[in-house]
């Protein structure tokens, strides 16, 4: 599976059991449990308590596995993931600021026409 945005419909829907998630990622189920214990992901639980993984979590597991295989320890992985979240938030904030600047320019041009 690729990590392309939108490669799965309903990317946040918890669809996969731990065995399917392990197969999709090439990781051992115990590794997935360990990543959960480390706080790197939090799969949903069925009514019976079974872990259920979403396509987004499968992508995250693949990303974690890639970082670990590159030699980054779990503390480093946690930091990388936190920095990625921060970058996404900052980009969203920047986009909002750019939208506001565009609105200010539009309003200024409207005022200048009067």
PDB file of N, CA and C in Angstrom:
ATOM      1  N   UNK A   1       0.842  -1.176   0.000  1.00  0.00           N
ATOM      2  CA  UNK A   1       0.000   0.000   0.000  1.00  0.00           C
ATOM      3  C   UNK A   1       0.884   1.235   0.000  1.00  0.00           C
ATOM      4  N   UNK A   2       0.453   2.234  -0.711  1.00  0.00           N
ATOM      5  CA  UNK A   2       1.208   3.480  -0.747  1.00  0.00           C
ATOM      6  C   UNK A   2       0.700   4.408   0.329  1.00  0.00           C
ATOM      7  N   UNK A   3       1.472   5.449   0.575  1.00  0.00           N
ATOM      8  CA  UNK A   3       1.060   6.424   1.586  1.00  0.00           C
ATOM      9  C   UNK A   3       0.458   7.662   0.940  1.00  0.00           C
ATOM     10  N   UNK A   4      -0.018   7.526  -0.317  1.00  0.00           N
ATOM     11  CA  UNK A   4      -0.630   8.667  -0.986  1.00  0.00           C
ATOM     12  C   UNK A   4      -1.899   9.095  -0.266  1.00  0.00           C
ATOM     13  N   UNK A   5      -2.079  10.399  -0.177  1.00  0.00           N
ATOM     14  CA  UNK A   5      -3.305  10.927   0.409  1.00  0.00           C
ATOM     15  C   UNK A   5      -4.464  10.461  -0.461  1.00  0.00           C
ATOM     16  N   UNK A   6      -5.533   9.995   0.185  1.00  0.00           N
ATOM     17  CA  UNK A   6      -6.721   9.640  -0.551  1.00  0.00           C
ATOM     18  C   UNK A   6      -6.663   8.282  -1.215  1.00  0.00           C
ATOM     19  N   UNK A   7      -5.645   7.473  -0.949  1.00  0.00           N
ATOM     20  CA  UNK A   7      -5.557   6.164  -1.584  1.00  0.00           C
ATOM     21  C   UNK A   7      -6.611   5.217  -1.035  1.00  0.00           C
ATOM     22  N   UNK A   8      -7.182   5.532   0.108  1.00  0.00           N
ATOM     23  CA  UNK A   8      -8.252   4.747   0.721  1.00  0.00           C
ATOM     24  C   UNK A   8      -9.459   5.644   0.931  1.00  0.00           C
ATOM     25  N   UNK A   9     -10.639   5.150   0.607  1.00  0.00           N
ATOM     26  CA  UNK A   9     -11.812   5.919   1.030  1.00  0.00           C
ATOM     27  C   UNK A   9     -11.950   5.773   2.546  1.00  0.00           C
ATOM     28  N   UNK A  10     -12.513   6.750   3.174  1.00  0.00           N
ATOM     29  CA  UNK A  10     -12.737   6.718   4.624  1.00  0.00           C
ATOM     30  C   UNK A  10     -11.451   6.355   5.371  1.00  0.00           C
ATOM     31  N   UNK A  11     -10.445   7.192   5.222  1.00  0.00           N
ATOM     32  CA  UNK A  11      -9.110   6.911   5.770  1.00  0.00           C
ATOM     33  C   UNK A  11      -9.071   6.776   7.284  1.00  0.00           C
ATOM     34  N   UNK A  12     -10.077   7.269   7.982  1.00  0.00           N
ATOM     35  CA  UNK A  12     -10.076   7.183   9.445  1.00  0.00           C
ATOM     36  C   UNK A  12     -10.975   6.070   9.979  1.00  0.00           C
ATOM     37  N   UNK A  13     -11.596   5.341   9.094  1.00  0.00           N
ATOM     38  CA  UNK A  13     -12.499   4.265   9.528  1.00  0.00           C
ATOM     39  C   UNK A  13     -11.676   3.044   9.925  1.00  0.00           C
ATOM     40  N   UNK A  14     -11.881   2.562  11.137  1.00  0.00           N
ATOM     41  CA  UNK A  14     -11.129   1.418  11.670  1.00  0.00           C
ATOM     42  C   UNK A  14     -11.659   0.130  11.038  1.00  0.00           C
ATOM     43  N   UNK A  15     -10.916  -0.377  10.072  1.00  0.00           N
ATOM     44  CA  UNK A  15     -11.372  -1.513   9.274  1.00  0.00           C
ATOM     45  C   UNK A  15     -10.622  -2.810   9.539  1.00  0.00           C
ATOM     46  N   UNK A  16      -9.365  -2.713   9.945  1.00  0.00           N
ATOM     47  CA  UNK A  16      -8.482  -3.872   9.916  1.00  0.00           C
ATOM     48  C   UNK A  16      -8.162  -4.408  11.303  1.00  0.00           C
ATOM     49  N   UNK A  17      -8.187  -5.716  11.423  1.00  0.00           N
ATOM     50  CA  UNK A  17      -7.742  -6.369  12.661  1.00  0.00           C
ATOM     51  C   UNK A  17      -6.228  -6.262  12.751  1.00  0.00           C
ATOM     52  N   UNK A  18      -5.692  -6.603  13.896  1.00  0.00           N
ATOM     53  CA  UNK A  18      -4.249  -6.518  14.081  1.00  0.00           C
ATOM     54  C   UNK A  18      -3.517  -7.466  13.130  1.00  0.00           C
ATOM     55  N   UNK A  19      -4.085  -8.630  12.857  1.00  0.00           N
ATOM     56  CA  UNK A  19      -3.409  -9.565  11.948  1.00  0.00           C
ATOM     57  C   UNK A  19      -3.377  -9.020  10.531  1.00  0.00           C
ATOM     58  N   UNK A  20      -4.452  -8.375  10.095  1.00  0.00           N
ATOM     59  CA  UNK A  20      -4.471  -7.776   8.756  1.00  0.00           C
ATOM     60  C   UNK A  20      -3.527  -6.580   8.715  1.00  0.00           C
ATOM     61  N   UNK A  21      -3.540  -5.760   9.760  1.00  0.00           N
ATOM     62  CA  UNK A  21      -2.632  -4.610   9.815  1.00  0.00           C
ATOM     63  C   UNK A  21      -1.181  -5.073   9.771  1.00  0.00           C
ATOM     64  N   UNK A  22      -0.879  -6.147  10.492  1.00  0.00           N
ATOM     65  CA  UNK A  22       0.480  -6.683  10.493  1.00  0.00           C
ATOM     66  C   UNK A  22       0.859  -7.161   9.093  1.00  0.00           C
ATOM     67  N   UNK A  23      -0.059  -7.826   8.427  1.00  0.00           N
ATOM     68  CA  UNK A  23       0.227  -8.314   7.076  1.00  0.00           C
ATOM     69  C   UNK A  23       0.414  -7.162   6.099  1.00  0.00           C
ATOM     70  N   UNK A  24      -0.438  -6.150   6.194  1.00  0.00           N
ATOM     71  CA  UNK A  24      -0.336  -4.994   5.288  1.00  0.00           C
ATOM     72  C   UNK A  24       0.964  -4.226   5.469  1.00  0.00           C
ATOM     73  N   UNK A  25       1.477  -4.202   6.687  1.00  0.00           N
ATOM     74  CA  UNK A  25       2.679  -3.412   6.971  1.00  0.00           C
ATOM     75  C   UNK A  25       3.957  -4.240   6.981  1.00  0.00           C
ATOM     76  N   UNK A  26       3.813  -5.559   7.016  1.00  0.00           N
ATOM     77  CA  UNK A  26       4.999  -6.412   7.107  1.00  0.00           C
ATOM     78  C   UNK A  26       5.602  -6.439   8.503  1.00  0.00           C
ATOM     79  N   UNK A  27       4.830  -6.012   9.486  1.00  0.00           N
ATOM     80  CA  UNK A  27       5.302  -5.982  10.865  1.00  0.00           C
ATOM     81  C   UNK A  27       4.641  -7.109  11.655  1.00  0.00           C
ATOM     82  N   UNK A  28       5.281  -7.527  12.720  1.00  0.00           N
ATOM     83  CA  UNK A  28       4.722  -8.559  13.589  1.00  0.00           C
ATOM     84  C   UNK A  28       3.643  -7.920  14.469  1.00  0.00           C
ATOM     85  N   UNK A  29       2.551  -8.632  14.765  1.00  0.00           N
ATOM     86  CA  UNK A  29       1.526  -8.065  15.638  1.00  0.00           C
ATOM     87  C   UNK A  29       2.081  -7.556  16.977  1.00  0.00           C
ATOM     88  N   UNK A  30       3.078  -8.230  17.504  1.00  0.00           N
ATOM     89  CA  UNK A  30       3.667  -7.778  18.769  1.00  0.00           C
ATOM     90  C   UNK A  30       4.340  -6.411  18.599  1.00  0.00           C
ATOM     91  N   UNK A  31       4.903  -6.171  17.422  1.00  0.00           N
ATOM     92  CA  UNK A  31       5.503  -4.864  17.132  1.00  0.00           C
ATOM     93  C   UNK A  31       4.428  -3.788  17.140  1.00  0.00           C
ATOM     94  N   UNK A  32       3.274  -4.085  16.560  1.00  0.00           N
ATOM     95  CA  UNK A  32       2.170  -3.131  16.556  1.00  0.00           C
ATOM     96  C   UNK A  32       1.712  -2.826  17.983  1.00  0.00           C
ATOM     97  N   UNK A  33       1.640  -3.856  18.808  1.00  0.00           N
ATOM     98  CA  UNK A  33       1.261  -3.649  20.211  1.00  0.00           C
ATOM     99  C   UNK A  33       2.304  -2.776  20.931  1.00  0.00           C
ATOM    100  N   UNK A  34       3.563  -3.023  20.619  1.00  0.00           N
ATOM    101  CA  UNK A  34       4.639  -2.225  21.217  1.00  0.00           C
ATOM    102  C   UNK A  34       4.552  -0.767  20.808  1.00  0.00           C
ATOM    103  N   UNK A  35       4.273  -0.510  19.543  1.00  0.00           N
ATOM    104  CA  UNK A  35       4.120   0.871  19.087  1.00  0.00           C
ATOM    105  C   UNK A  35       2.944   1.546  19.795  1.00  0.00           C
ATOM    106  N   UNK A  36       1.892   0.788  20.033  1.00  0.00           N
ATOM    107  CA  UNK A  36       0.758   1.336  20.770  1.00  0.00           C
ATOM    108  C   UNK A  36       1.170   1.660  22.208  1.00  0.00           C
ATOM    109  N   UNK A  37       1.886   0.735  22.855  1.00  0.00           N
ATOM    110  CA  UNK A  37       2.361   0.994  24.230  1.00  0.00           C
ATOM    111  C   UNK A  37       3.230   2.232  24.290  1.00  0.00           C
ATOM    112  N   UNK A  38       4.019   2.453  23.260  1.00  0.00           N
ATOM    113  CA  UNK A  38       4.903   3.623  23.203  1.00  0.00           C
ATOM    114  C   UNK A  38       4.158   4.913  22.867  1.00  0.00           C
ATOM    115  N   UNK A  39       2.866   4.805  22.583  1.00  0.00           N
ATOM    116  CA  UNK A  39       2.065   5.987  22.285  1.00  0.00           C
ATOM    117  C   UNK A  39       2.212   6.501  20.867  1.00  0.00           C
ATOM    118  N   UNK A  40       2.729   5.665  19.969  1.00  0.00           N
ATOM    119  CA  UNK A  40       2.927   6.100  18.587  1.00  0.00           C
ATOM    120  C   UNK A  40       1.645   6.031  17.760  1.00  0.00           C
ATOM    121  N   UNK A  41       0.677   5.259  18.228  1.00  0.00           N
ATOM    122  CA  UNK A  41      -0.627   5.210  17.596  1.00  0.00           C
ATOM    123  C   UNK A  41      -1.623   4.670  18.608  1.00  0.00           C
ATOM    124  N   UNK A  42      -2.877   4.873  18.315  1.00  0.00           N
ATOM    125  CA  UNK A  42      -3.929   4.424  19.224  1.00  0.00           C
ATOM    126  C   UNK A  42      -5.073   3.862  18.385  1.00  0.00           C
ATOM    127  N   UNK A  43      -5.010   2.565  18.087  1.00  0.00           N
ATOM    128  CA  UNK A  43      -6.073   1.981  17.270  1.00  0.00           C
ATOM    129  C   UNK A  43      -7.405   1.997  18.011  1.00  0.00           C
ATOM    130  N   UNK A  44      -8.465   2.015  17.241  1.00  0.00           N
ATOM    131  CA  UNK A  44      -9.803   1.937  17.830  1.00  0.00           C
ATOM    132  C   UNK A  44      -9.991   0.540  18.410  1.00  0.00           C
ATOM    133  N   UNK A  45     -11.000   0.400  19.199  1.00  0.00           N
ATOM    134  CA  UNK A  45     -11.336  -0.909  19.775  1.00  0.00           C
ATOM    135  C   UNK A  45     -12.777  -1.250  19.407  1.00  0.00           C
ATOM    136  N   UNK A  46     -12.993  -2.518  19.084  1.00  0.00           N
ATOM    137  CA  UNK A  46     -14.354  -2.991  18.847  1.00  0.00           C
ATOM    138  C   UNK A  46     -15.063  -3.089  20.185  1.00  0.00           C
ATOM    139  N   UNK A  47     -16.350  -3.390  20.159  1.00  0.00           N
ATOM    140  CA  UNK A  47     -17.117  -3.546  21.399  1.00  0.00           C
ATOM    141  C   UNK A  47     -16.497  -4.627  22.280  1.00  0.00           C
ATOM    142  N   UNK A  48     -15.882  -5.629  21.663  1.00  0.00           N
ATOM    143  CA  UNK A  48     -15.250  -6.708  22.411  1.00  0.00           C
ATOM    144  C   UNK A  48     -13.812  -6.420  22.803  1.00  0.00           C
ATOM    145  N   UNK A  49     -13.300  -5.235  22.458  1.00  0.00           N
ATOM    146  CA  UNK A  49     -11.942  -4.852  22.840  1.00  0.00           C
ATOM    147  C   UNK A  49     -10.870  -5.183  21.824  1.00  0.00           C
ATOM    148  N   UNK A  50     -11.266  -5.706  20.661  1.00  0.00           N
ATOM    149  CA  UNK A  50     -10.288  -6.040  19.622  1.00  0.00           C
ATOM    150  C   UNK A  50      -9.765  -4.770  18.959  1.00  0.00           C
ATOM    151  N   UNK A  51      -8.453  -4.715  18.748  1.00  0.00           N
ATOM    152  CA  UNK A  51      -7.864  -3.562  18.069  1.00  0.00           C
ATOM    153  C   UNK A  51      -8.350  -3.533  16.619  1.00  0.00           C
ATOM    154  N   UNK A  52      -8.656  -2.308  16.150  1.00  0.00           N
ATOM    155  CA  UNK A  52      -9.056  -2.090  14.763  1.00  0.00           C
ATOM    156  C   UNK A  52      -8.245  -0.918  14.227  1.00  0.00           C
ATOM    157  N   UNK A  53      -7.596  -1.126  13.091  1.00  0.00           N
ATOM    158  CA  UNK A  53      -6.717  -0.125  12.502  1.00  0.00           C
ATOM    159  C   UNK A  53      -7.367   0.486  11.265  1.00  0.00           C
ATOM    160  N   UNK A  54      -7.219   1.787  11.136  1.00  0.00           N
ATOM    161  CA  UNK A  54      -7.733   2.509   9.970  1.00  0.00           C
ATOM    162  C   UNK A  54      -6.649   2.554   8.884  1.00  0.00           C
ATOM    163  N   UNK A  55      -7.057   2.851   7.654  1.00  0.00           N
ATOM    164  CA  UNK A  55      -6.043   3.052   6.604  1.00  0.00           C
ATOM    165  C   UNK A  55      -5.004   4.119   6.987  1.00  0.00           C
ATOM    166  N   UNK A  56      -5.435   5.172   7.664  1.00  0.00           N
ATOM    167  CA  UNK A  56      -4.488   6.213   8.092  1.00  0.00           C
ATOM    168  C   UNK A  56      -3.459   5.630   9.065  1.00  0.00           C
ATOM    169  N   UNK A  57      -3.909   4.738   9.962  1.00  0.00           N
ATOM    170  CA  UNK A  57      -2.983   4.121  10.915  1.00  0.00           C
ATOM    171  C   UNK A  57      -2.044   3.138  10.211  1.00  0.00           C
ATOM    172  N   UNK A  58      -2.528   2.477   9.170  1.00  0.00           N
ATOM    173  CA  UNK A  58      -1.657   1.597   8.384  1.00  0.00           C
ATOM    174  C   UNK A  58      -0.536   2.432   7.760  1.00  0.00           C
ATOM    175  N   UNK A  59      -0.896   3.578   7.216  1.00  0.00           N
ATOM    176  CA  UNK A  59       0.111   4.471   6.635  1.00  0.00           C
ATOM    177  C   UNK A  59       1.088   4.943   7.701  1.00  0.00           C
ATOM    178  N   UNK A  60       0.570   5.268   8.866  1.00  0.00           N
ATOM    179  CA  UNK A  60       1.442   5.715   9.960  1.00  0.00           C
ATOM    180  C   UNK A  60       2.393   4.593  10.374  1.00  0.00           C
ATOM    181  N   UNK A  61       1.887   3.364  10.455  1.00  0.00           N
ATOM    182  CA  UNK A  61       2.737   2.217  10.792  1.00  0.00           C
ATOM    183  C   UNK A  61       3.848   2.043   9.761  1.00  0.00           C
ATOM    184  N   UNK A  62       3.512   2.220   8.495  1.00  0.00           N
ATOM    185  CA  UNK A  62       4.530   2.127   7.450  1.00  0.00           C
ATOM    186  C   UNK A  62       5.576   3.226   7.608  1.00  0.00           C
ATOM    187  N   UNK A  63       5.125   4.406   7.964  1.00  0.00           N
ATOM    188  CA  UNK A  63       6.054   5.517   8.189  1.00  0.00           C
ATOM    189  C   UNK A  63       6.962   5.219   9.381  1.00  0.00           C
ATOM    190  N   UNK A  64       6.381   4.729  10.470  1.00  0.00           N
ATOM    191  CA  UNK A  64       7.164   4.381  11.655  1.00  0.00           C
ATOM    192  C   UNK A  64       8.182   3.308  11.306  1.00  0.00           C
ATOM    193  N   UNK A  65       7.749   2.290  10.591  1.00  0.00           N
ATOM    194  CA  UNK A  65       8.650   1.202  10.210  1.00  0.00           C
ATOM    195  C   UNK A  65       9.806   1.730   9.359  1.00  0.00           C
ATOM    196  N   UNK A  66       9.511   2.658   8.470  1.00  0.00           N
ATOM    197  CA  UNK A  66      10.563   3.249   7.645  1.00  0.00           C
ATOM    198  C   UNK A  66      11.570   4.026   8.470  1.00  0.00           C
ATOM    199  N   UNK A  67      11.083   4.775   9.440  1.00  0.00           N
ATOM    200  CA  UNK A  67      11.986   5.533  10.304  1.00  0.00           C
ATOM    201  C   UNK A  67      12.849   4.604  11.151  1.00  0.00           C
ATOM    202  N   UNK A  68      12.227   3.557  11.694  1.00  0.00           N
ATOM    203  CA  UNK A  68      12.977   2.591  12.507  1.00  0.00           C
ATOM    204  C   UNK A  68      14.019   1.879  11.657  1.00  0.00           C
ATOM    205  N   UNK A  69      13.648   1.505  10.436  1.00  0.00           N
ATOM    206  CA  UNK A  69      14.616   0.810   9.574  1.00  0.00           C
ATOM    207  C   UNK A  69      15.751   1.735   9.146  1.00  0.00           C
ATOM    208  N   UNK A  70      15.512   3.053   9.213  1.00  0.00           N
ATOM    209  CA  UNK A  70      16.572   4.032   8.910  1.00  0.00           C
ATOM    210  C   UNK A  70      17.480   4.264  10.110  1.00  0.00           C
ATOM    211  N   UNK A  71      17.184   3.580  11.231  1.00  0.00           N
ATOM    212  CA  UNK A  71      18.051   3.678  12.395  1.00  0.00           C
ATOM    213  C   UNK A  71      17.580   4.633  13.476  1.00  0.00           C
ATOM    214  N   UNK A  72      16.360   5.135  13.354  1.00  0.00           N
ATOM    215  CA  UNK A  72      15.842   6.067  14.358  1.00  0.00           C
ATOM    216  C   UNK A  72      15.170   5.262  15.468  1.00  0.00           C
ATOM    217  N   UNK A  73      15.524   5.557  16.714  1.00  0.00           N
ATOM    218  CA  UNK A  73      14.896   4.831  17.824  1.00  0.00           C
ATOM    219  C   UNK A  73      13.486   5.373  18.061  1.00  0.00           C
ATOM    220  N   UNK A  74      12.724   4.705  18.940  1.00  0.00           N
ATOM    221  CA  UNK A  74      11.318   5.070  19.128  1.00  0.00           C
ATOM    222  C   UNK A  74      11.146   6.471  19.701  1.00  0.00           C
ATOM    223  N   UNK A  75      12.066   6.907  20.537  1.00  0.00           N
ATOM    224  CA  UNK A  75      11.992   8.282  21.037  1.00  0.00           C
ATOM    225  C   UNK A  75      12.168   9.262  19.878  1.00  0.00           C
ATOM    226  N   UNK A  76      13.075   8.952  18.981  1.00  0.00           N
ATOM    227  CA  UNK A  76      13.280   9.790  17.806  1.00  0.00           C
ATOM    228  C   UNK A  76      12.074   9.769  16.887  1.00  0.00           C
ATOM    229  N   UNK A  77      11.480   8.591  16.720  1.00  0.00           N
ATOM    230  CA  UNK A  77      10.274   8.464  15.893  1.00  0.00           C
ATOM    231  C   UNK A  77       9.168   9.328  16.475  1.00  0.00           C
ATOM    232  N   UNK A  78       8.991   9.256  17.790  1.00  0.00           N
ATOM    233  CA  UNK A  78       7.967  10.064  18.457  1.00  0.00           C
ATOM    234  C   UNK A  78       8.199  11.549  18.168  1.00  0.00           C
ATOM    235  N   UNK A  79       9.456  11.973  18.238  1.00  0.00           N
ATOM    236  CA  UNK A  79       9.795  13.382  17.990  1.00  0.00           C
ATOM    237  C   UNK A  79       9.540  13.764  16.531  1.00  0.00           C
ATOM    238  N   UNK A  80       9.928  12.893  15.612  1.00  0.00           N
ATOM    239  CA  UNK A  80       9.687  13.158  14.184  1.00  0.00           C
ATOM    240  C   UNK A  80       8.190  13.310  13.925  1.00  0.00           C
ATOM    241  N   UNK A  81       7.390  12.410  14.470  1.00  0.00           N
ATOM    242  CA  UNK A  81       5.939  12.479  14.270  1.00  0.00           C
ATOM    243  C   UNK A  81       5.356  13.750  14.871  1.00  0.00           C
ATOM    244  N   UNK A  82       5.853  14.147  16.045  1.00  0.00           N
ATOM    245  CA  UNK A  82       5.387  15.391  16.676  1.00  0.00           C
ATOM    246  C   UNK A  82       5.759  16.596  15.824  1.00  0.00           C
ATOM    247  N   UNK A  83       6.969  16.597  15.283  1.00  0.00           N
ATOM    248  CA  UNK A  83       7.391  17.710  14.427  1.00  0.00           C
ATOM    249  C   UNK A  83       6.569  17.756  13.137  1.00  0.00           C
ATOM    250  N   UNK A  84       6.238  16.590  12.594  1.00  0.00           N
ATOM    251  CA  UNK A  84       5.394  16.566  11.398  1.00  0.00           C
ATOM    252  C   UNK A  84       4.009  17.144  11.680  1.00  0.00           C
ATOM    253  N   UNK A  85       3.438  16.799  12.850  1.00  0.00           N
ATOM    254  CA  UNK A  85       2.140  17.377  13.233  1.00  0.00           C
ATOM    255  C   UNK A  85       2.243  18.891  13.355  1.00  0.00           C
ATOM    256  N   UNK A  86       3.339  19.360  13.964  1.00  0.00           N
ATOM    257  CA  UNK A  86       3.541  20.791  14.123  1.00  0.00           C
ATOM    258  C   UNK A  86       3.660  21.480  12.765  1.00  0.00           C
ATOM    259  N   UNK A  87       4.374  20.883  11.852  1.00  0.00           N
ATOM    260  CA  UNK A  87       4.523  21.459  10.507  1.00  0.00           C
ATOM    261  C   UNK A  87       3.160  21.537   9.819  1.00  0.00           C
ATOM    262  N   UNK A  88       2.345  20.483   9.945  1.00  0.00           N
ATOM    263  CA  UNK A  88       1.004  20.510   9.340  1.00  0.00           C
ATOM    264  C   UNK A  88       0.159  21.641   9.927  1.00  0.00           C
ATOM    265  N   UNK A  89       0.230  21.813  11.262  1.00  0.00           N
ATOM    266  CA  UNK A  89      -0.522  22.905  11.906  1.00  0.00           C
ATOM    267  C   UNK A  89      -0.028  24.264  11.422  1.00  0.00           C
ATOM    268  N   UNK A  90       1.284  24.425  11.342  1.00  0.00           N
ATOM    269  CA  UNK A  90       1.842  25.703  10.897  1.00  0.00           C
ATOM    270  C   UNK A  90       1.473  25.996   9.448  1.00  0.00           C
ATOM    271  N   UNK A  91       1.477  24.968   8.611  1.00  0.00           N
ATOM    272  CA  UNK A  91       1.067  25.168   7.211  1.00  0.00           C
ATOM    273  C   UNK A  91      -0.396  25.579   7.132  1.00  0.00           C
ATOM    274  N   UNK A  92      -1.239  24.959   7.957  1.00  0.00           N
ATOM    275  CA  UNK A  92      -2.659  25.338   7.981  1.00  0.00           C
ATOM    276  C   UNK A  92      -2.802  26.778   8.447  1.00  0.00           C
ATOM    277  N   UNK A  93      -2.047  27.160   9.467  1.00  0.00           N
ATOM    278  CA  UNK A  93      -2.085  28.542   9.959  1.00  0.00           C
ATOM    279  C   UNK A  93      -1.623  29.509   8.883  1.00  0.00           C
ATOM    280  N   UNK A  94      -0.541  29.158   8.195  1.00  0.00           N
ATOM    281  CA  UNK A  94      -0.013  30.011   7.129  1.00  0.00           C
ATOM    282  C   UNK A  94      -1.030  30.160   6.000  1.00  0.00           C
ATOM    283  N   UNK A  95      -1.694  29.092   5.667  1.00  0.00           N
ATOM    284  CA  UNK A  95      -2.719  29.139   4.628  1.00  0.00           C
ATOM    285  C   UNK A  95      -3.850  30.074   5.038  1.00  0.00           C
ATOM    286  N   UNK A  96      -4.216  30.021   6.310  1.00  0.00           N
ATOM    287  CA  UNK A  96      -5.261  30.906   6.821  1.00  0.00           C
ATOM    288  C   UNK A  96      -4.808  32.363   6.750  1.00  0.00           C
ATOM    289  N   UNK A  97      -3.566  32.623   7.114  1.00  0.00           N
ATOM    290  CA  UNK A  97      -3.027  33.984   7.043  1.00  0.00           C
ATOM    291  C   UNK A  97      -3.018  34.467   5.593  1.00  0.00           C
ATOM    292  N   UNK A  98      -2.607  33.596   4.684  1.00  0.00           N
ATOM    293  CA  UNK A  98      -2.592  33.976   3.267  1.00  0.00           C
ATOM    294  C   UNK A  98      -3.994  34.275   2.758  1.00  0.00           C
ATOM    295  N   UNK A  99      -4.973  33.489   3.205  1.00  0.00           N
ATOM    296  CA  UNK A  99      -6.361  33.758   2.824  1.00  0.00           C
ATOM    297  C   UNK A  99      -6.804  35.115   3.354  1.00  0.00           C
ATOM    298  N   UNK A 100      -6.429  35.423   4.602  1.00  0.00           N
ATOM    299  CA  UNK A 100      -6.791  36.713   5.187  1.00  0.00           C
ATOM    300  C   UNK A 100      -6.109  37.868   4.455  1.00  0.00           C
ATOM    301  N   UNK A 101      -4.866  37.675   4.070  1.00  0.00           N
ATOM    302  CA  UNK A 101      -4.168  38.722   3.301  1.00  0.00           C
ATOM    303  C   UNK A 101      -4.873  38.971   1.981  1.00  0.00           C
ATOM    304  N   UNK A 102      -5.290  37.903   1.335  1.00  0.00           N
ATOM    305  CA  UNK A 102      -6.027  38.051   0.081  1.00  0.00           C
ATOM    306  C   UNK A 102      -7.318  38.819   0.285  1.00  0.00           C
ATOM    307  N   UNK A 103      -8.006  38.540   1.368  1.00  0.00           N
ATOM    308  CA  UNK A 103      -9.241  39.248   1.689  1.00  0.00           C
ATOM    309  C   UNK A 103      -8.956  40.717   1.971  1.00  0.00           C
ATOM    310  N   UNK A 104      -7.874  41.017   2.686  1.00  0.00           N
ATOM    311  CA  UNK A 104      -7.484  42.406   2.964  1.00  0.00           C
ATOM    312  C   UNK A 104      -7.191  43.130   1.653  1.00  0.00           C
ATOM    313  N   UNK A 105      -6.460  42.483   0.752  1.00  0.00           N
ATOM    314  CA  UNK A 105      -6.155  43.106  -0.557  1.00  0.00           C
ATOM    315  C   UNK A 105      -7.445  43.373  -1.342  1.00  0.00           C
ATOM    316  N   UNK A 106      -8.346  42.398  -1.306  1.00  0.00           N
ATOM    317  CA  UNK A 106      -9.609  42.569  -2.020  1.00  0.00           C
ATOM    318  C   UNK A 106     -10.400  43.746  -1.444  1.00  0.00           C
ATOM    319  N   UNK A 107     -10.478  43.821  -0.122  1.00  0.00           N
ATOM    320  CA  UNK A 107     -11.202  44.915   0.525  1.00  0.00           C
ATOM    321  C   UNK A 107     -10.527  46.266   0.260  1.00  0.00           C
ATOM    322  N   UNK A 108      -9.168  46.270   0.281  1.00  0.00           N
ATOM    323  CA  UNK A 108      -8.446  47.508   0.009  1.00  0.00           C
ATOM    324  C   UNK A 108      -8.720  47.983  -1.418  1.00  0.00           C
ATOM    325  N   UNK A 109      -8.736  47.038  -2.363  1.00  0.00           N
ATOM    326  CA  UNK A 109      -9.013  47.402  -3.740  1.00  0.00           C
ATOM    327  C   UNK A 109     -10.443  47.929  -3.871  1.00  0.00           C
ATOM    328  N   UNK A 110     -11.360  47.353  -3.146  1.00  0.00           N
ATOM    329  CA  UNK A 110     -12.744  47.809  -3.157  1.00  0.00           C
ATOM    330  C   UNK A 110     -12.838  49.227  -2.603  1.00  0.00           C
ATOM    331  N   UNK A 111     -12.104  49.486  -1.527  1.00  0.00           N
ATOM    332  CA  UNK A 111     -12.085  50.841  -0.952  1.00  0.00           C
ATOM    333  C   UNK A 111     -11.452  51.838  -1.898  1.00  0.00           C
ATOM    334  N   UNK A 112     -10.370  51.420  -2.567  1.00  0.00           N
ATOM    335  CA  UNK A 112      -9.678  52.303  -3.497  1.00  0.00           C
ATOM    336  C   UNK A 112     -10.552  52.682  -4.686  1.00  0.00           C
ATOM    337  N   UNK A 113     -11.483  51.822  -5.053  1.00  0.00           N
ATOM    338  CA  UNK A 113     -12.376  52.109  -6.176  1.00  0.00           C
ATOM    339  C   UNK A 113     -13.423  53.168  -5.837  1.00  0.00           C
ATOM    340  N   UNK A 114     -13.664  53.387  -4.564  1.00  0.00           N
ATOM    341  CA  UNK A 114     -14.713  54.346  -4.143  1.00  0.00           C
ATOM    342  C   UNK A 114     -14.226  55.750  -4.172  1.00  0.00           C
TER     343      UNK A 114
END
